[in-house]
PDB file of all heavy atoms in Angstrom:
ATOM      1  N   ALA A   1       0.852  -1.181   0.000  1.00  0.00           N
ATOM      2  CA  ALA A   1       0.000   0.000   0.000  1.00  0.00           C
ATOM      3  C   ALA A   1       0.891   1.236   0.000  1.00  0.00           C
ATOM      4  O   ALA A   1       2.067   1.173   0.372  1.00  0.00           O
ATOM      5  CB  ALA A   1      -0.915   0.001   1.214  1.00  0.00           C
ATOM      6  N   LEU A   2       0.328   2.351  -0.402  1.00  0.00           N
ATOM      7  CA  LEU A   2       1.043   3.618  -0.467  1.00  0.00           C
ATOM      8  C   LEU A   2       0.223   4.688   0.238  1.00  0.00           C
ATOM      9  O   LEU A   2      -0.976   4.816  -0.016  1.00  0.00           O
ATOM     10  CB  LEU A   2       1.286   4.014  -1.929  1.00  0.00           C
ATOM     11  CG  LEU A   2       1.906   5.388  -2.180  1.00  0.00           C
ATOM     12  CD1 LEU A   2       3.327   5.454  -1.612  1.00  0.00           C
ATOM     13  CD2 LEU A   2       1.896   5.708  -3.672  1.00  0.00           C
ATOM     14  N   LEU A   3       0.884   5.443   1.104  1.00  0.00           N
ATOM     15  CA  LEU A   3       0.261   6.596   1.767  1.00  0.00           C
ATOM     16  C   LEU A   3       1.075   7.824   1.408  1.00  0.00           C
ATOM     17  O   LEU A   3       2.281   7.872   1.663  1.00  0.00           O
ATOM     18  CB  LEU A   3       0.246   6.416   3.283  1.00  0.00           C
ATOM     19  CG  LEU A   3      -0.338   5.121   3.831  1.00  0.00           C
ATOM     20  CD1 LEU A   3      -0.275   5.118   5.351  1.00  0.00           C
ATOM     21  CD2 LEU A   3      -1.754   4.918   3.349  1.00  0.00           C
ATOM     22  N   VAL A   4       0.427   8.805   0.793  1.00  0.00           N
ATOM     23  CA  VAL A   4       1.111  10.021   0.358  1.00  0.00           C
ATOM     24  C   VAL A   4       0.348  11.226   0.876  1.00  0.00           C
ATOM     25  O   VAL A   4      -0.887  11.255   0.834  1.00  0.00           O
ATOM     26  CB  VAL A   4       1.202  10.087  -1.187  1.00  0.00           C
ATOM     27  CG1 VAL A   4       2.027  11.270  -1.622  1.00  0.00           C
ATOM     28  CG2 VAL A   4       1.770   8.812  -1.760  1.00  0.00           C
ATOM     29  N   THR A   5       1.085  12.219   1.355  1.00  0.00           N
ATOM     30  CA  THR A   5       0.463  13.445   1.825  1.00  0.00           C
ATOM     31  C   THR A   5       1.033  14.627   1.059  1.00  0.00           C
ATOM     32  O   THR A   5       2.179  14.603   0.615  1.00  0.00           O
ATOM     33  CB  THR A   5       0.712  13.649   3.339  1.00  0.00           C
ATOM     34  OG1 THR A   5       2.113  13.726   3.585  1.00  0.00           O
ATOM     35  CG2 THR A   5       0.103  12.516   4.144  1.00  0.00           C
ATOM     36  N   GLY A   6       0.204  15.645   0.918  1.00  0.00           N
ATOM     37  CA  GLY A   6       0.638  16.859   0.230  1.00  0.00           C
ATOM     38  C   GLY A   6       0.094  18.088   0.910  1.00  0.00           C
ATOM     39  O   GLY A   6      -1.084  18.125   1.273  1.00  0.00           O
ATOM     40  N   GLY A   7       0.928  19.081   1.092  1.00  0.00           N
ATOM     41  CA  GLY A   7       0.525  20.299   1.782  1.00  0.00           C
ATOM     42  C   GLY A   7      -0.491  21.124   1.022  1.00  0.00           C
ATOM     43  O   GLY A   7      -1.289  21.837   1.610  1.00  0.00           O
ATOM     44  N   SER A   8      -0.481  21.026  -0.287  1.00  0.00           N
ATOM     45  CA  SER A   8      -1.441  21.777  -1.104  1.00  0.00           C
ATOM     46  C   SER A   8      -2.404  20.796  -1.760  1.00  0.00           C
ATOM     47  O   SER A   8      -2.464  19.630  -1.380  1.00  0.00           O
ATOM     48  CB  SER A   8      -0.692  22.595  -2.159  1.00  0.00           C
ATOM     49  OG  SER A   8       0.011  21.743  -3.036  1.00  0.00           O
ATOM     50  N   GLU A   9      -3.118  21.281  -2.738  1.00  0.00           N
ATOM     51  CA  GLU A   9      -4.057  20.414  -3.458  1.00  0.00           C
ATOM     52  C   GLU A   9      -4.138  20.872  -4.901  1.00  0.00           C
ATOM     53  O   GLU A   9      -4.337  22.063  -5.174  1.00  0.00           O
ATOM     54  CB  GLU A   9      -5.437  20.464  -2.801  1.00  0.00           C
ATOM     55  CG  GLU A   9      -6.407  19.474  -3.371  1.00  0.00           C
ATOM     56  CD  GLU A   9      -7.688  19.353  -2.548  1.00  0.00           C
ATOM     57  OE1 GLU A   9      -7.903  20.157  -1.633  1.00  0.00           O
ATOM     58  OE2 GLU A   9      -8.461  18.432  -2.852  1.00  0.00           O
ATOM     59  N   TYR A  10      -3.938  19.940  -5.833  1.00  0.00           N
ATOM     60  CA  TYR A  10      -4.054  20.245  -7.245  1.00  0.00           C
ATOM     61  C   TYR A  10      -4.411  18.964  -7.990  1.00  0.00           C
ATOM     62  O   TYR A  10      -4.141  17.868  -7.495  1.00  0.00           O
ATOM     63  CB  TYR A  10      -2.771  20.884  -7.802  1.00  0.00           C
ATOM     64  CG  TYR A  10      -1.511  20.100  -7.532  1.00  0.00           C
ATOM     65  CD1 TYR A  10      -1.051  19.139  -8.438  1.00  0.00           C
ATOM     66  CD2 TYR A  10      -0.769  20.331  -6.377  1.00  0.00           C
ATOM     67  CE1 TYR A  10       0.106  18.421  -8.192  1.00  0.00           C
ATOM     68  CE2 TYR A  10       0.395  19.615  -6.135  1.00  0.00           C
ATOM     69  CZ  TYR A  10       0.832  18.664  -7.042  1.00  0.00           C
ATOM     70  OH  TYR A  10       1.977  17.961  -6.799  1.00  0.00           O
ATOM     71  N   PRO A  11      -5.027  19.077  -9.160  1.00  0.00           N
ATOM     72  CA  PRO A  11      -5.458  17.886  -9.905  1.00  0.00           C
ATOM     73  C   PRO A  11      -4.289  16.977 -10.249  1.00  0.00           C
ATOM     74  O   PRO A  11      -3.225  17.427 -10.667  1.00  0.00           O
ATOM     75  CB  PRO A  11      -6.081  18.471 -11.180  1.00  0.00           C
ATOM     76  CG  PRO A  11      -6.425  19.879 -10.844  1.00  0.00           C
ATOM     77  CD  PRO A  11      -5.404  20.324  -9.827  1.00  0.00           C
ATOM     78  N   GLY A  12      -4.479  15.695 -10.044  1.00  0.00           N
ATOM     79  CA  GLY A  12      -3.501  14.687 -10.421  1.00  0.00           C
ATOM     80  C   GLY A  12      -2.258  14.628  -9.551  1.00  0.00           C
ATOM     81  O   GLY A  12      -1.269  14.003  -9.928  1.00  0.00           O
ATOM     82  N   MET A  13      -2.305  15.226  -8.388  1.00  0.00           N
ATOM     83  CA  MET A  13      -1.096  15.334  -7.572  1.00  0.00           C
ATOM     84  C   MET A  13      -0.540  13.998  -7.095  1.00  0.00           C
ATOM     85  O   MET A  13       0.641  13.906  -6.774  1.00  0.00           O
ATOM     86  CB  MET A  13      -1.313  16.283  -6.391  1.00  0.00           C
ATOM     87  CG  MET A  13      -2.302  15.824  -5.353  1.00  0.00           C
ATOM     88  SD  MET A  13      -2.701  17.114  -4.133  1.00  0.00           S
ATOM     89  CE  MET A  13      -1.222  17.183  -3.152  1.00  0.00           C
ATOM     90  N   PHE A  14      -1.357  12.956  -7.053  1.00  0.00           N
ATOM     91  CA  PHE A  14      -0.879  11.674  -6.554  1.00  0.00           C
ATOM     92  C   PHE A  14      -0.638  10.640  -7.660  1.00  0.00           C
ATOM     93  O   PHE A  14      -0.333   9.489  -7.378  1.00  0.00           O
ATOM     94  CB  PHE A  14      -1.867  11.111  -5.526  1.00  0.00           C
ATOM     95  CG  PHE A  14      -2.045  12.006  -4.328  1.00  0.00           C
ATOM     96  CD1 PHE A  14      -3.289  12.535  -4.020  1.00  0.00           C
ATOM     97  CD2 PHE A  14      -0.965  12.329  -3.513  1.00  0.00           C
ATOM     98  CE1 PHE A  14      -3.451  13.360  -2.912  1.00  0.00           C
ATOM     99  CE2 PHE A  14      -1.112  13.149  -2.412  1.00  0.00           C
ATOM    100  CZ  PHE A  14      -2.354  13.675  -2.110  1.00  0.00           C
ATOM    101  N   VAL A  15      -0.742  11.054  -8.917  1.00  0.00           N
ATOM    102  CA  VAL A  15      -0.579  10.119 -10.035  1.00  0.00           C
ATOM    103  C   VAL A  15       0.863   9.608 -10.135  1.00  0.00           C
ATOM    104  O   VAL A  15       1.104   8.403 -10.207  1.00  0.00           O
ATOM    105  CB  VAL A  15      -1.034  10.765 -11.369  1.00  0.00           C
ATOM    106  CG1 VAL A  15      -0.688   9.876 -12.550  1.00  0.00           C
ATOM    107  CG2 VAL A  15      -2.529  11.057 -11.330  1.00  0.00           C
ATOM    108  N   ALA A  16       1.833  10.505 -10.156  1.00  0.00           N
ATOM    109  CA  ALA A  16       3.235  10.088 -10.321  1.00  0.00           C
ATOM    110  C   ALA A  16       3.718   9.220  -9.160  1.00  0.00           C
ATOM    111  O   ALA A  16       4.328   8.171  -9.400  1.00  0.00           O
ATOM    112  CB  ALA A  16       4.136  11.311 -10.502  1.00  0.00           C
ATOM    113  N   PRO A  17       3.454   9.597  -7.901  1.00  0.00           N
ATOM    114  CA  PRO A  17       3.907   8.724  -6.809  1.00  0.00           C
ATOM    115  C   PRO A  17       3.304   7.323  -6.883  1.00  0.00           C
ATOM    116  O   PRO A  17       3.986   6.333  -6.593  1.00  0.00           O
ATOM    117  CB  PRO A  17       3.459   9.447  -5.538  1.00  0.00           C
ATOM    118  CG  PRO A  17       3.286  10.860  -5.943  1.00  0.00           C
ATOM    119  CD  PRO A  17       2.888  10.839  -7.390  1.00  0.00           C
ATOM    120  N   ARG A  18       2.051   7.232  -7.295  1.00  0.00           N
ATOM    121  CA  ARG A  18       1.418   5.910  -7.413  1.00  0.00           C
ATOM    122  C   ARG A  18       2.108   5.070  -8.483  1.00  0.00           C
ATOM    123  O   ARG A  18       2.317   3.874  -8.309  1.00  0.00           O
ATOM    124  CB  ARG A  18      -0.076   6.045  -7.698  1.00  0.00           C
ATOM    125  CG  ARG A  18      -0.757   4.685  -7.743  1.00  0.00           C
ATOM    126  CD  ARG A  18      -2.230   4.766  -8.112  1.00  0.00           C
ATOM    127  NE  ARG A  18      -2.810   3.454  -8.078  1.00  0.00           N
ATOM    128  CZ  ARG A  18      -3.586   2.995  -7.125  1.00  0.00           C
ATOM    129  NH1 ARG A  18      -3.892   3.747  -6.096  1.00  0.00           N
ATOM    130  NH2 ARG A  18      -4.069   1.779  -7.177  1.00  0.00           N
ATOM    131  N   LYS A  19       2.465   5.701  -9.601  1.00  0.00           N
ATOM    132  CA  LYS A  19       3.143   4.964 -10.671  1.00  0.00           C
ATOM    133  C   LYS A  19       4.510   4.453 -10.216  1.00  0.00           C
ATOM    134  O   LYS A  19       4.877   3.312 -10.495  1.00  0.00           O
ATOM    135  CB  LYS A  19       3.293   5.846 -11.917  1.00  0.00           C
ATOM    136  CG  LYS A  19       1.997   6.038 -12.676  1.00  0.00           C
ATOM    137  CD  LYS A  19       2.214   6.867 -13.920  1.00  0.00           C
ATOM    138  CE  LYS A  19       0.901   7.017 -14.666  1.00  0.00           C
ATOM    139  NZ  LYS A  19       1.073   7.766 -15.919  1.00  0.00           N
ATOM    140  N   VAL A  20       5.253   5.288  -9.517  1.00  0.00           N
ATOM    141  CA  VAL A  20       6.585   4.881  -9.052  1.00  0.00           C
ATOM    142  C   VAL A  20       6.464   3.749  -8.037  1.00  0.00           C
ATOM    143  O   VAL A  20       7.158   2.731  -8.132  1.00  0.00           O
ATOM    144  CB  VAL A  20       7.350   6.080  -8.449  1.00  0.00           C
ATOM    145  CG1 VAL A  20       8.631   5.629  -7.765  1.00  0.00           C
ATOM    146  CG2 VAL A  20       7.649   7.115  -9.526  1.00  0.00           C
ATOM    147  N   ALA A  21       5.573   3.910  -7.061  1.00  0.00           N
ATOM    148  CA  ALA A  21       5.394   2.855  -6.051  1.00  0.00           C
ATOM    149  C   ALA A  21       4.870   1.579  -6.703  1.00  0.00           C
ATOM    150  O   ALA A  21       5.308   0.478  -6.355  1.00  0.00           O
ATOM    151  CB  ALA A  21       4.441   3.324  -4.958  1.00  0.00           C
ATOM    152  N   GLY A  22       3.950   1.711  -7.644  1.00  0.00           N
ATOM    153  CA  GLY A  22       3.419   0.533  -8.334  1.00  0.00           C
ATOM    154  C   GLY A  22       4.510  -0.226  -9.069  1.00  0.00           C
ATOM    155  O   GLY A  22       4.582  -1.452  -9.009  1.00  0.00           O
ATOM    156  N   ALA A  23       5.395   0.498  -9.754  1.00  0.00           N
ATOM    157  CA  ALA A  23       6.497  -0.149 -10.466  1.00  0.00           C
ATOM    158  C   ALA A  23       7.468  -0.804  -9.485  1.00  0.00           C
ATOM    159  O   ALA A  23       7.957  -1.911  -9.729  1.00  0.00           O
ATOM    160  CB  ALA A  23       7.225   0.871 -11.335  1.00  0.00           C
ATOM    161  N   ALA A  24       7.731  -0.130  -8.373  1.00  0.00           N
ATOM    162  CA  ALA A  24       8.648  -0.681  -7.369  1.00  0.00           C
ATOM    163  C   ALA A  24       8.097  -1.979  -6.791  1.00  0.00           C
ATOM    164  O   ALA A  24       8.805  -2.991  -6.710  1.00  0.00           O
ATOM    165  CB  ALA A  24       8.885   0.337  -6.257  1.00  0.00           C
ATOM    166  N   PHE A  25       6.841  -1.959  -6.391  1.00  0.00           N
ATOM    167  CA  PHE A  25       6.249  -3.162  -5.808  1.00  0.00           C
ATOM    168  C   PHE A  25       6.098  -4.271  -6.846  1.00  0.00           C
ATOM    169  O   PHE A  25       6.252  -5.446  -6.526  1.00  0.00           O
ATOM    170  CB  PHE A  25       4.920  -2.844  -5.129  1.00  0.00           C
ATOM    171  CG  PHE A  25       5.078  -2.151  -3.806  1.00  0.00           C
ATOM    172  CD1 PHE A  25       4.489  -0.921  -3.583  1.00  0.00           C
ATOM    173  CD2 PHE A  25       5.812  -2.731  -2.777  1.00  0.00           C
ATOM    174  CE1 PHE A  25       4.622  -0.285  -2.350  1.00  0.00           C
ATOM    175  CE2 PHE A  25       5.954  -2.108  -1.544  1.00  0.00           C
ATOM    176  CZ  PHE A  25       5.369  -0.882  -1.334  1.00  0.00           C
ATOM    177  N   LYS A  26       5.829  -3.907  -8.090  1.00  0.00           N
ATOM    178  CA  LYS A  26       5.741  -4.920  -9.151  1.00  0.00           C
ATOM    179  C   LYS A  26       7.085  -5.631  -9.304  1.00  0.00           C
ATOM    180  O   LYS A  26       7.136  -6.846  -9.511  1.00  0.00           O
ATOM    181  CB  LYS A  26       5.327  -4.269 -10.471  1.00  0.00           C
ATOM    182  CG  LYS A  26       5.146  -5.265 -11.596  1.00  0.00           C
ATOM    183  CD  LYS A  26       4.663  -4.585 -12.866  1.00  0.00           C
ATOM    184  CE  LYS A  26       4.473  -5.625 -13.960  1.00  0.00           C
ATOM    185  NZ  LYS A  26       4.009  -5.014 -15.194  1.00  0.00           N
ATOM    186  N   THR A  27       8.172  -4.881  -9.187  1.00  0.00           N
ATOM    187  CA  THR A  27       9.509  -5.466  -9.251  1.00  0.00           C
ATOM    188  C   THR A  27       9.701  -6.509  -8.160  1.00  0.00           C
ATOM    189  O   THR A  27      10.381  -7.512  -8.368  1.00  0.00           O
ATOM    190  CB  THR A  27      10.577  -4.355  -9.128  1.00  0.00           C
ATOM    191  OG1 THR A  27      10.450  -3.492 -10.254  1.00  0.00           O
ATOM    192  CG2 THR A  27      11.977  -4.918  -9.082  1.00  0.00           C
ATOM    193  N   LEU A  28       9.089  -6.288  -6.998  1.00  0.00           N
ATOM    194  CA  LEU A  28       9.191  -7.239  -5.890  1.00  0.00           C
ATOM    195  C   LEU A  28       8.154  -8.353  -5.980  1.00  0.00           C
ATOM    196  O   LEU A  28       8.170  -9.280  -5.176  1.00  0.00           O
ATOM    197  CB  LEU A  28       9.035  -6.513  -4.552  1.00  0.00           C
ATOM    198  CG  LEU A  28      10.057  -5.424  -4.246  1.00  0.00           C
ATOM    199  CD1 LEU A  28       9.769  -4.802  -2.887  1.00  0.00           C
ATOM    200  CD2 LEU A  28      11.473  -5.958  -4.314  1.00  0.00           C
ATOM    201  N   GLY A  29       7.231  -8.243  -6.928  1.00  0.00           N
ATOM    202  CA  GLY A  29       6.174  -9.239  -7.054  1.00  0.00           C
ATOM    203  C   GLY A  29       5.052  -9.038  -6.044  1.00  0.00           C
ATOM    204  O   GLY A  29       4.305  -9.963  -5.758  1.00  0.00           O
ATOM    205  N   MET A  30       4.939  -7.826  -5.514  1.00  0.00           N
ATOM    206  CA  MET A  30       3.911  -7.522  -4.512  1.00  0.00           C
ATOM    207  C   MET A  30       2.840  -6.633  -5.150  1.00  0.00           C
ATOM    208  O   MET A  30       3.165  -5.568  -5.668  1.00  0.00           O
ATOM    209  CB  MET A  30       4.517  -6.773  -3.321  1.00  0.00           C
ATOM    210  CG  MET A  30       5.606  -7.521  -2.601  1.00  0.00           C
ATOM    211  SD  MET A  30       6.342  -6.527  -1.283  1.00  0.00           S
ATOM    212  CE  MET A  30       5.134  -6.838   0.005  1.00  0.00           C
ATOM    213  N   PRO A  31       1.585  -7.034  -5.098  1.00  0.00           N
ATOM    214  CA  PRO A  31       0.547  -6.183  -5.669  1.00  0.00           C
ATOM    215  C   PRO A  31       0.302  -4.942  -4.809  1.00  0.00           C
ATOM    216  O   PRO A  31       0.223  -5.028  -3.586  1.00  0.00           O
ATOM    217  CB  PRO A  31      -0.691  -7.077  -5.687  1.00  0.00           C
ATOM    218  CG  PRO A  31      -0.431  -8.120  -4.650  1.00  0.00           C
ATOM    219  CD  PRO A  31       1.054  -8.294  -4.584  1.00  0.00           C
ATOM    220  N   LEU A  32       0.226  -3.797  -5.469  1.00  0.00           N
ATOM    221  CA  LEU A  32      -0.147  -2.549  -4.797  1.00  0.00           C
ATOM    222  C   LEU A  32      -1.666  -2.527  -4.745  1.00  0.00           C
ATOM    223  O   LEU A  32      -2.325  -2.281  -5.745  1.00  0.00           O
ATOM    224  CB  LEU A  32       0.396  -1.339  -5.564  1.00  0.00           C
ATOM    225  CG  LEU A  32       0.030   0.041  -5.023  1.00  0.00           C
ATOM    226  CD1 LEU A  32       0.568   0.235  -3.605  1.00  0.00           C
ATOM    227  CD2 LEU A  32       0.570   1.125  -5.946  1.00  0.00           C
TER     228      LEU A  32
END
């Protein structure tokens, strides 16, 4: 799982972190 916080708010702000974490966990064979 991934928990991300951001001080501000804007559209799509959590898209890139999810992609990076998803790729990292996929490398380990762990489903996000």
